[in-house]
Amino acid sequence: MEEILVKLEQVTKKYGKKAALDNCSLELKKGKIYGLVGRNGAGKTTMMRIIGGLLPVTSGQVTSKTDIGMLIEAPGVVGSMTARENLHFYGMLSGNADAERETELLELVGLEDDKKKKVKNYSLGMRQRLGIAIALLNHPGFVMLDEPINGLDPIGVVEIRKLITRLNEEFGMTVLISSHNLAELYQTATDYIIIDKGVIKKEISQEALEAENNESLETYFLQVIGQASV
């Protein structure tokens, strides 16, 4: 039986009378790469913030069996510092500063050759990779990445894709990615969660998707959410 790392049970999040998430139940299992798909305002970031403990639920329950790392929206990096200084800073904040771990992560995300370069001079792709390194500081078993390839050039997109795949295959991490880039998700995800207007419309594996869908990936998702665009 597959191990459930994170579980949402009838989770609702309201802002006033509007439900950003509406009675969402979900089981996220070990070893998967989940693609979280939905339009702007569908509830993707709200779900990630709730899973990560950054937002309280209005009702329902979230349980986790593992430490969680997250990169939600823009990386919170300090431009006047180097990558290593940023990692050390965040390590100190969490009480786990570790020079050996910092070196390991810089090598993992491909920033080991930029030791003296200030982060303010980094490309967007380099900043994203540093943000992922910060999310991995405490050896999480589950990592959430909110739009990690948004705004990246094609080379940056490939770098992030390879890094996500490596985290999953080599280090056994479960990953939850939100993205508008369906073609890129198709090359990365093992499973999909489709959300619209705060409601989970469908959960489907890559294998089931390929067996069920005879049209483009985008067309399939649009049919599920009943909208004109993702």
C-alpha atoms as a PDB file:
ATOM      1  CA  MET A   1       0.000   0.000   0.000  1.00  0.00           C
ATOM      2  CA  GLU A   2       1.293   3.460  -0.900  1.00  0.00           C
ATOM      3  CA  GLU A   3       2.184   5.655   2.071  1.00  0.00           C
ATOM      4  CA  ILE A   4       0.082   8.805   2.488  1.00  0.00           C
ATOM      5  CA  LEU A   5       2.329  11.743   3.440  1.00  0.00           C
ATOM      6  CA  VAL A   6      -0.212  14.584   3.458  1.00  0.00           C
ATOM      7  CA  LYS A   7      -3.969  14.346   3.873  1.00  0.00           C
ATOM      8  CA  LEU A   8      -6.663  16.991   3.505  1.00  0.00           C
ATOM      9  CA  GLU A   9     -10.070  16.150   4.952  1.00  0.00           C
ATOM     10  CA  GLN A  10     -13.022  18.341   3.936  1.00  0.00           C
ATOM     11  CA  VAL A  11     -10.872  21.479   3.997  1.00  0.00           C
ATOM     12  CA  THR A  12     -12.655  24.782   3.463  1.00  0.00           C
ATOM     13  CA  LYS A  13     -11.030  28.210   3.493  1.00  0.00           C
ATOM     14  CA  LYS A  14     -13.280  31.259   3.394  1.00  0.00           C
ATOM     15  CA  TYR A  15     -12.559  34.957   3.083  1.00  0.00           C
ATOM     16  CA  GLY A  16     -15.783  36.515   4.223  1.00  0.00           C
ATOM     17  CA  LYS A  17     -18.483  34.646   2.324  1.00  0.00           C
ATOM     18  CA  LYS A  18     -16.208  33.594  -0.547  1.00  0.00           C
ATOM     19  CA  ALA A  19     -14.692  30.110  -0.398  1.00  0.00           C
ATOM     20  CA  ALA A  20     -11.136  29.984  -1.731  1.00  0.00           C
ATOM     21  CA  LEU A  21     -11.226  26.240  -1.033  1.00  0.00           C
ATOM     22  CA  ASP A  22     -14.531  24.396  -0.755  1.00  0.00           C
ATOM     23  CA  ASN A  23     -14.713  21.026   1.036  1.00  0.00           C
ATOM     24  CA  CYS A  24     -11.451  19.687  -0.441  1.00  0.00           C
ATOM     25  CA  SER A  25     -10.309  16.169   0.413  1.00  0.00           C
ATOM     26  CA  LEU A  26      -7.006  14.874  -0.919  1.00  0.00           C
ATOM     27  CA  GLU A  27      -4.340  12.240  -0.225  1.00  0.00           C
ATOM     28  CA  LEU A  28      -0.789  12.945  -1.385  1.00  0.00           C
ATOM     29  CA  LYS A  29       1.291   9.775  -1.536  1.00  0.00           C
ATOM     30  CA  LYS A  30       4.991   9.112  -1.190  1.00  0.00           C
ATOM     31  CA  GLY A  31       7.124   9.089  -4.325  1.00  0.00           C
ATOM     32  CA  LYS A  32       4.770  11.030  -6.604  1.00  0.00           C
ATOM     33  CA  ILE A  33       5.195  14.263  -8.537  1.00  0.00           C
ATOM     34  CA  TYR A  34       1.802  15.968  -8.449  1.00  0.00           C
ATOM     35  CA  GLY A  35       0.834  18.618 -10.948  1.00  0.00           C
ATOM     36  CA  LEU A  36      -1.711  21.046  -9.453  1.00  0.00           C
ATOM     37  CA  VAL A  37      -3.629  22.553 -12.362  1.00  0.00           C
ATOM     38  CA  GLY A  38      -6.104  25.412 -12.433  1.00  0.00           C
ATOM     39  CA  ARG A  39      -6.682  28.946 -13.626  1.00  0.00           C
ATOM     40  CA  ASN A  40      -5.573  32.027 -11.705  1.00  0.00           C
ATOM     41  CA  GLY A  41      -7.729  32.255  -8.589  1.00  0.00           C
ATOM     42  CA  ALA A  42      -8.662  28.564  -8.680  1.00  0.00           C
ATOM     43  CA  GLY A  43      -7.236  27.968  -5.182  1.00  0.00           C
ATOM     44  CA  LYS A  44      -3.811  26.506  -5.971  1.00  0.00           C
ATOM     45  CA  THR A  45      -1.696  28.832  -3.850  1.00  0.00           C
ATOM     46  CA  THR A  46      -4.265  28.834  -1.039  1.00  0.00           C
ATOM     47  CA  MET A  47      -4.095  25.036  -0.921  1.00  0.00           C
ATOM     48  CA  MET A  48      -0.305  25.097  -0.772  1.00  0.00           C
ATOM     49  CA  ARG A  49      -0.268  27.721   1.968  1.00  0.00           C
ATOM     50  CA  ILE A  50      -2.709  25.669   4.039  1.00  0.00           C
ATOM     51  CA  ILE A  51      -0.699  22.460   3.575  1.00  0.00           C
ATOM     52  CA  GLY A  52       2.435  24.346   4.596  1.00  0.00           C
ATOM     53  CA  GLY A  53       0.809  25.756   7.717  1.00  0.00           C
ATOM     54  CA  LEU A  54       0.937  29.344   6.483  1.00  0.00           C
ATOM     55  CA  LEU A  55      -2.846  29.742   6.531  1.00  0.00           C
ATOM     56  CA  PRO A  56      -5.449  28.397   8.983  1.00  0.00           C
ATOM     57  CA  VAL A  57      -8.418  26.462   7.642  1.00  0.00           C
ATOM     58  CA  THR A  58     -11.971  27.669   8.154  1.00  0.00           C
ATOM     59  CA  SER A  59     -13.051  24.057   8.619  1.00  0.00           C
ATOM     60  CA  GLY A  60     -11.627  20.605   7.979  1.00  0.00           C
ATOM     61  CA  GLN A  61      -8.247  19.130   8.828  1.00  0.00           C
ATOM     62  CA  VAL A  62      -4.747  18.795   7.337  1.00  0.00           C
ATOM     63  CA  THR A  63      -2.331  16.124   8.580  1.00  0.00           C
ATOM     64  CA  SER A  64       1.261  15.460   7.538  1.00  0.00           C
ATOM     65  CA  LYS A  65       3.643  12.593   8.246  1.00  0.00           C
ATOM     66  CA  THR A  66       6.779  14.372   7.056  1.00  0.00           C
ATOM     67  CA  ASP A  67       8.637  17.672   7.129  1.00  0.00           C
ATOM     68  CA  ILE A  68       7.518  20.031   4.377  1.00  0.00           C
ATOM     69  CA  GLY A  69       9.667  22.341   2.268  1.00  0.00           C
ATOM     70  CA  MET A  70       8.100  25.024   0.128  1.00  0.00           C
ATOM     71  CA  LEU A  71       8.758  27.685  -2.466  1.00  0.00           C
ATOM     72  CA  ILE A  72       5.540  29.668  -2.742  1.00  0.00           C
ATOM     73  CA  GLU A  73       5.421  32.621  -5.115  1.00  0.00           C
ATOM     74  CA  ALA A  74       8.752  34.524  -5.405  1.00  0.00           C
ATOM     75  CA  PRO A  75      11.839  33.151  -3.593  1.00  0.00           C
ATOM     76  CA  GLY A  76      12.453  35.065  -0.369  1.00  0.00           C
ATOM     77  CA  VAL A  77      16.153  35.616  -0.974  1.00  0.00           C
ATOM     78  CA  VAL A  78      18.410  38.468   0.173  1.00  0.00           C
ATOM     79  CA  GLY A  79      19.942  40.179  -2.851  1.00  0.00           C
ATOM     80  CA  SER A  80      22.968  41.601  -1.031  1.00  0.00           C
ATOM     81  CA  MET A  81      24.070  38.121   0.065  1.00  0.00           C
ATOM     82  CA  THR A  82      25.649  35.235  -1.855  1.00  0.00           C
ATOM     83  CA  ALA A  83      23.794  31.953  -2.287  1.00  0.00           C
ATOM     84  CA  ARG A  84      25.731  30.348   0.559  1.00  0.00           C
ATOM     85  CA  GLU A  85      25.069  33.325   2.837  1.00  0.00           C
ATOM     86  CA  ASN A  86      21.353  33.023   2.065  1.00  0.00           C
ATOM     87  CA  LEU A  87      21.380  29.321   2.909  1.00  0.00           C
ATOM     88  CA  HIS A  88      23.299  29.978   6.125  1.00  0.00           C
ATOM     89  CA  PHE A  89      20.899  32.777   7.072  1.00  0.00           C
ATOM     90  CA  TYR A  90      17.827  30.575   6.624  1.00  0.00           C
ATOM     91  CA  GLY A  91      19.573  27.711   8.384  1.00  0.00           C
ATOM     92  CA  MET A  92      20.195  29.944  11.388  1.00  0.00           C
ATOM     93  CA  LEU A  93      16.557  31.060  11.406  1.00  0.00           C
ATOM     94  CA  SER A  94      15.444  27.429  11.636  1.00  0.00           C
ATOM     95  CA  GLY A  95      18.163  26.535  14.159  1.00  0.00           C
ATOM     96  CA  ASN A  96      19.832  24.108  11.726  1.00  0.00           C
ATOM     97  CA  ALA A  97      22.764  26.001  10.185  1.00  0.00           C
ATOM     98  CA  ASP A  98      25.049  23.369   8.661  1.00  0.00           C
ATOM     99  CA  ALA A  99      27.980  24.225   6.361  1.00  0.00           C
ATOM    100  CA  GLU A 100      28.112  20.700   4.943  1.00  0.00           C
ATOM    101  CA  ARG A 101      24.404  20.799   4.062  1.00  0.00           C
ATOM    102  CA  GLU A 102      24.850  24.217   2.440  1.00  0.00           C
ATOM    103  CA  THR A 103      27.619  22.859   0.193  1.00  0.00           C
ATOM    104  CA  GLU A 104      25.522  19.810  -0.660  1.00  0.00           C
ATOM    105  CA  LEU A 105      22.548  21.942  -1.681  1.00  0.00           C
ATOM    106  CA  LEU A 106      24.605  24.380  -3.758  1.00  0.00           C
ATOM    107  CA  GLU A 107      25.945  21.406  -5.708  1.00  0.00           C
ATOM    108  CA  LEU A 108      22.487  19.881  -6.025  1.00  0.00           C
ATOM    109  CA  VAL A 109      20.926  23.008  -7.554  1.00  0.00           C
ATOM    110  CA  GLY A 110      23.972  23.857  -9.682  1.00  0.00           C
ATOM    111  CA  LEU A 111      25.094  27.037  -7.918  1.00  0.00           C
ATOM    112  CA  GLU A 112      28.427  25.789  -6.551  1.00  0.00           C
ATOM    113  CA  ASP A 113      30.402  27.787  -9.148  1.00  0.00           C
ATOM    114  CA  ASP A 114      28.857  31.127  -8.144  1.00  0.00           C
ATOM    115  CA  LYS A 115      30.175  31.324  -4.600  1.00  0.00           C
ATOM    116  CA  LYS A 116      31.079  35.032  -4.634  1.00  0.00           C
ATOM    117  CA  LYS A 117      28.255  36.313  -6.820  1.00  0.00           C
ATOM    118  CA  LYS A 118      25.584  38.358  -5.076  1.00  0.00           C
ATOM    119  CA  VAL A 119      22.048  37.068  -5.525  1.00  0.00           C
ATOM    120  CA  LYS A 120      20.925  40.489  -6.833  1.00  0.00           C
ATOM    121  CA  ASN A 121      22.991  39.676  -9.936  1.00  0.00           C
ATOM    122  CA  TYR A 122      21.365  36.265 -10.437  1.00  0.00           C
ATOM    123  CA  SER A 123      19.068  35.405 -13.329  1.00  0.00           C
ATOM    124  CA  LEU A 124      15.483  34.462 -12.487  1.00  0.00           C
ATOM    125  CA  GLY A 125      16.313  30.795 -13.057  1.00  0.00           C
ATOM    126  CA  MET A 126      19.235  30.974 -10.620  1.00  0.00           C
ATOM    127  CA  ARG A 127      17.003  32.653  -8.031  1.00  0.00           C
ATOM    128  CA  GLN A 128      14.433  29.880  -8.436  1.00  0.00           C
ATOM    129  CA  ARG A 129      17.090  27.226  -7.937  1.00  0.00           C
ATOM    130  CA  LEU A 130      18.329  29.000  -4.815  1.00  0.00           C
ATOM    131  CA  GLY A 131      14.735  29.204  -3.554  1.00  0.00           C
ATOM    132  CA  ILE A 132      14.415  25.451  -4.018  1.00  0.00           C
ATOM    133  CA  ALA A 133      17.693  24.915  -2.152  1.00  0.00           C
ATOM    134  CA  ILE A 134      16.333  26.949   0.780  1.00  0.00           C
ATOM    135  CA  ALA A 135      13.158  24.832   0.737  1.00  0.00           C
ATOM    136  CA  LEU A 136      15.327  21.707   1.039  1.00  0.00           C
ATOM    137  CA  LEU A 137      17.444  22.862   3.992  1.00  0.00           C
ATOM    138  CA  ASN A 138      15.679  20.724   6.597  1.00  0.00           C
ATOM    139  CA  HIS A 139      15.650  17.486   4.577  1.00  0.00           C
ATOM    140  CA  PRO A 140      11.894  17.511   3.813  1.00  0.00           C
ATOM    141  CA  GLY A 141      10.166  14.434   2.470  1.00  0.00           C
ATOM    142  CA  PHE A 142       7.541  16.586   0.745  1.00  0.00           C
ATOM    143  CA  VAL A 143       8.232  19.730  -1.294  1.00  0.00           C
ATOM    144  CA  MET A 144       5.764  22.266  -2.722  1.00  0.00           C
ATOM    145  CA  LEU A 145       6.742  24.511  -5.635  1.00  0.00           C
ATOM    146  CA  ASP A 146       4.314  27.243  -6.680  1.00  0.00           C
ATOM    147  CA  GLU A 147       4.807  28.165 -10.359  1.00  0.00           C
ATOM    148  CA  PRO A 148       8.546  27.307 -10.271  1.00  0.00           C
ATOM    149  CA  ILE A 149       9.041  27.875 -14.019  1.00  0.00           C
ATOM    150  CA  ASN A 150       6.934  31.019 -14.370  1.00  0.00           C
ATOM    151  CA  GLY A 151       8.863  33.619 -16.372  1.00  0.00           C
ATOM    152  CA  LEU A 152      11.870  31.415 -17.039  1.00  0.00           C
ATOM    153  CA  ASP A 153      13.595  31.153 -20.408  1.00  0.00           C
ATOM    154  CA  PRO A 154      13.703  27.710 -22.091  1.00  0.00           C
ATOM    155  CA  ILE A 155      17.077  26.842 -20.548  1.00  0.00           C
ATOM    156  CA  GLY A 156      15.820  27.758 -17.075  1.00  0.00           C
ATOM    157  CA  VAL A 157      12.694  25.654 -17.585  1.00  0.00           C
ATOM    158  CA  VAL A 158      14.777  22.594 -18.482  1.00  0.00           C
ATOM    159  CA  GLU A 159      17.066  23.144 -15.467  1.00  0.00           C
ATOM    160  CA  ILE A 160      14.142  23.255 -13.049  1.00  0.00           C
ATOM    161  CA  ARG A 161      12.510  20.223 -14.673  1.00  0.00           C
ATOM    162  CA  LYS A 162      15.705  18.183 -14.325  1.00  0.00           C
ATOM    163  CA  LEU A 163      16.100  19.286 -10.715  1.00  0.00           C
ATOM    164  CA  ILE A 164      12.528  18.306  -9.801  1.00  0.00           C
ATOM    165  CA  THR A 165      12.930  14.915 -11.463  1.00  0.00           C
ATOM    166  CA  ARG A 166      16.200  14.346  -9.626  1.00  0.00           C
ATOM    167  CA  LEU A 167      14.666  15.251  -6.256  1.00  0.00           C
ATOM    168  CA  ASN A 168      11.969  12.670  -6.879  1.00  0.00           C
ATOM    169  CA  GLU A 169      13.958   9.845  -8.454  1.00  0.00           C
ATOM    170  CA  GLU A 170      17.289  10.138  -6.658  1.00  0.00           C
ATOM    171  CA  PHE A 171      16.227  11.458  -3.258  1.00  0.00           C
ATOM    172  CA  GLY A 172      12.731   9.976  -3.037  1.00  0.00           C
ATOM    173  CA  MET A 173      10.960  13.285  -2.406  1.00  0.00           C
ATOM    174  CA  THR A 174       7.280  13.752  -3.075  1.00  0.00           C
ATOM    175  CA  VAL A 175       6.674  16.980  -4.992  1.00  0.00           C
ATOM    176  CA  LEU A 176       3.592  19.148  -5.516  1.00  0.00           C
ATOM    177  CA  ILE A 177       3.941  21.634  -8.390  1.00  0.00           C
ATOM    178  CA  SER A 178       1.458  24.261  -9.500  1.00  0.00           C
ATOM    179  CA  SER A 179       1.897  25.495 -13.060  1.00  0.00           C
ATOM    180  CA  HIS A 180       0.117  27.006 -16.041  1.00  0.00           C
ATOM    181  CA  ASN A 181       2.584  25.304 -18.382  1.00  0.00           C
ATOM    182  CA  LEU A 182       0.697  22.100 -19.124  1.00  0.00           C
ATOM    183  CA  ALA A 183       3.205  20.867 -21.700  1.00  0.00           C
ATOM    184  CA  GLU A 184       5.977  21.138 -19.129  1.00  0.00           C
ATOM    185  CA  LEU A 185       3.924  19.455 -16.415  1.00  0.00           C
ATOM    186  CA  TYR A 186       3.285  16.597 -18.821  1.00  0.00           C
ATOM    187  CA  GLN A 187       7.045  15.974 -18.951  1.00  0.00           C
ATOM    188  CA  THR A 188       7.393  16.023 -15.171  1.00  0.00           C
ATOM    189  CA  ALA A 189       4.274  14.953 -13.269  1.00  0.00           C
ATOM    190  CA  THR A 190       3.233  11.411 -12.376  1.00  0.00           C
ATOM    191  CA  ASP A 191      -0.235  12.528 -11.240  1.00  0.00           C
ATOM    192  CA  TYR A 192      -2.543  15.526 -11.669  1.00  0.00           C
ATOM    193  CA  ILE A 193      -4.951  17.383  -9.397  1.00  0.00           C
ATOM    194  CA  ILE A 194      -7.371  19.632 -11.280  1.00  0.00           C
ATOM    195  CA  ILE A 195      -8.922  22.451  -9.253  1.00  0.00           C
ATOM    196  CA  ASP A 196     -11.422  25.139 -10.235  1.00  0.00           C
ATOM    197  CA  LYS A 197     -13.123  27.790  -8.095  1.00  0.00           C
ATOM    198  CA  GLY A 198     -11.813  26.146  -4.934  1.00  0.00           C
ATOM    199  CA  VAL A 199     -13.188  22.707  -5.792  1.00  0.00           C
ATOM    200  CA  ILE A 200     -11.087  19.666  -6.688  1.00  0.00           C
ATOM    201  CA  LYS A 201     -12.585  18.547  -9.990  1.00  0.00           C
ATOM    202  CA  LYS A 202     -10.465  15.494 -10.680  1.00  0.00           C
ATOM    203  CA  GLU A 203      -7.417  13.482  -9.615  1.00  0.00           C
ATOM    204  CA  ILE A 204      -5.780  11.325 -12.276  1.00  0.00           C
ATOM    205  CA  SER A 205      -2.468   9.535 -12.836  1.00  0.00           C
ATOM    206  CA  GLN A 206      -0.326  10.087 -15.898  1.00  0.00           C
ATOM    207  CA  GLU A 207      -1.031   6.530 -17.045  1.00  0.00           C
ATOM    208  CA  ALA A 208      -4.805   6.891 -16.670  1.00  0.00           C
ATOM    209  CA  LEU A 209      -4.678  10.254 -18.408  1.00  0.00           C
ATOM    210  CA  GLU A 210      -2.884   8.790 -21.414  1.00  0.00           C
ATOM    211  CA  ALA A 211      -5.372   5.906 -21.565  1.00  0.00           C
ATOM    212  CA  GLU A 212      -8.422   8.157 -21.240  1.00  0.00           C
ATOM    213  CA  ASN A 213      -7.434  11.178 -23.290  1.00  0.00           C
ATOM    214  CA  ASN A 214      -7.254  11.198 -27.099  1.00  0.00           C
ATOM    215  CA  GLU A 215      -6.879  14.964 -27.401  1.00  0.00           C
ATOM    216  CA  SER A 216      -4.311  17.507 -26.272  1.00  0.00           C
ATOM    217  CA  LEU A 217      -3.521  17.805 -22.582  1.00  0.00           C
ATOM    218  CA  GLU A 218      -4.860  21.341 -22.477  1.00  0.00           C
ATOM    219  CA  THR A 219      -8.123  20.324 -24.149  1.00  0.00           C
ATOM    220  CA  TYR A 220      -8.599  17.557 -21.586  1.00  0.00           C
ATOM    221  CA  PHE A 221      -8.139  19.906 -18.640  1.00  0.00           C
ATOM    222  CA  LEU A 222     -10.457  22.464 -20.162  1.00  0.00           C
ATOM    223  CA  GLN A 223     -13.131  19.804 -20.533  1.00  0.00           C
ATOM    224  CA  VAL A 224     -12.747  18.834 -16.872  1.00  0.00           C
ATOM    225  CA  ILE A 225     -13.064  22.371 -15.527  1.00  0.00           C
ATOM    226  CA  GLY A 226     -15.555  23.460 -18.183  1.00  0.00           C
ATOM    227  CA  GLN A 227     -13.711  26.687 -18.965  1.00  0.00           C
ATOM    228  CA  ALA A 228     -12.354  28.398 -22.040  1.00  0.00           C
ATOM    229  CA  SER A 229      -8.804  28.791 -20.774  1.00  0.00           C
ATOM    230  CA  VAL A 230      -6.424  27.613 -18.097  1.00  0.00           C
END
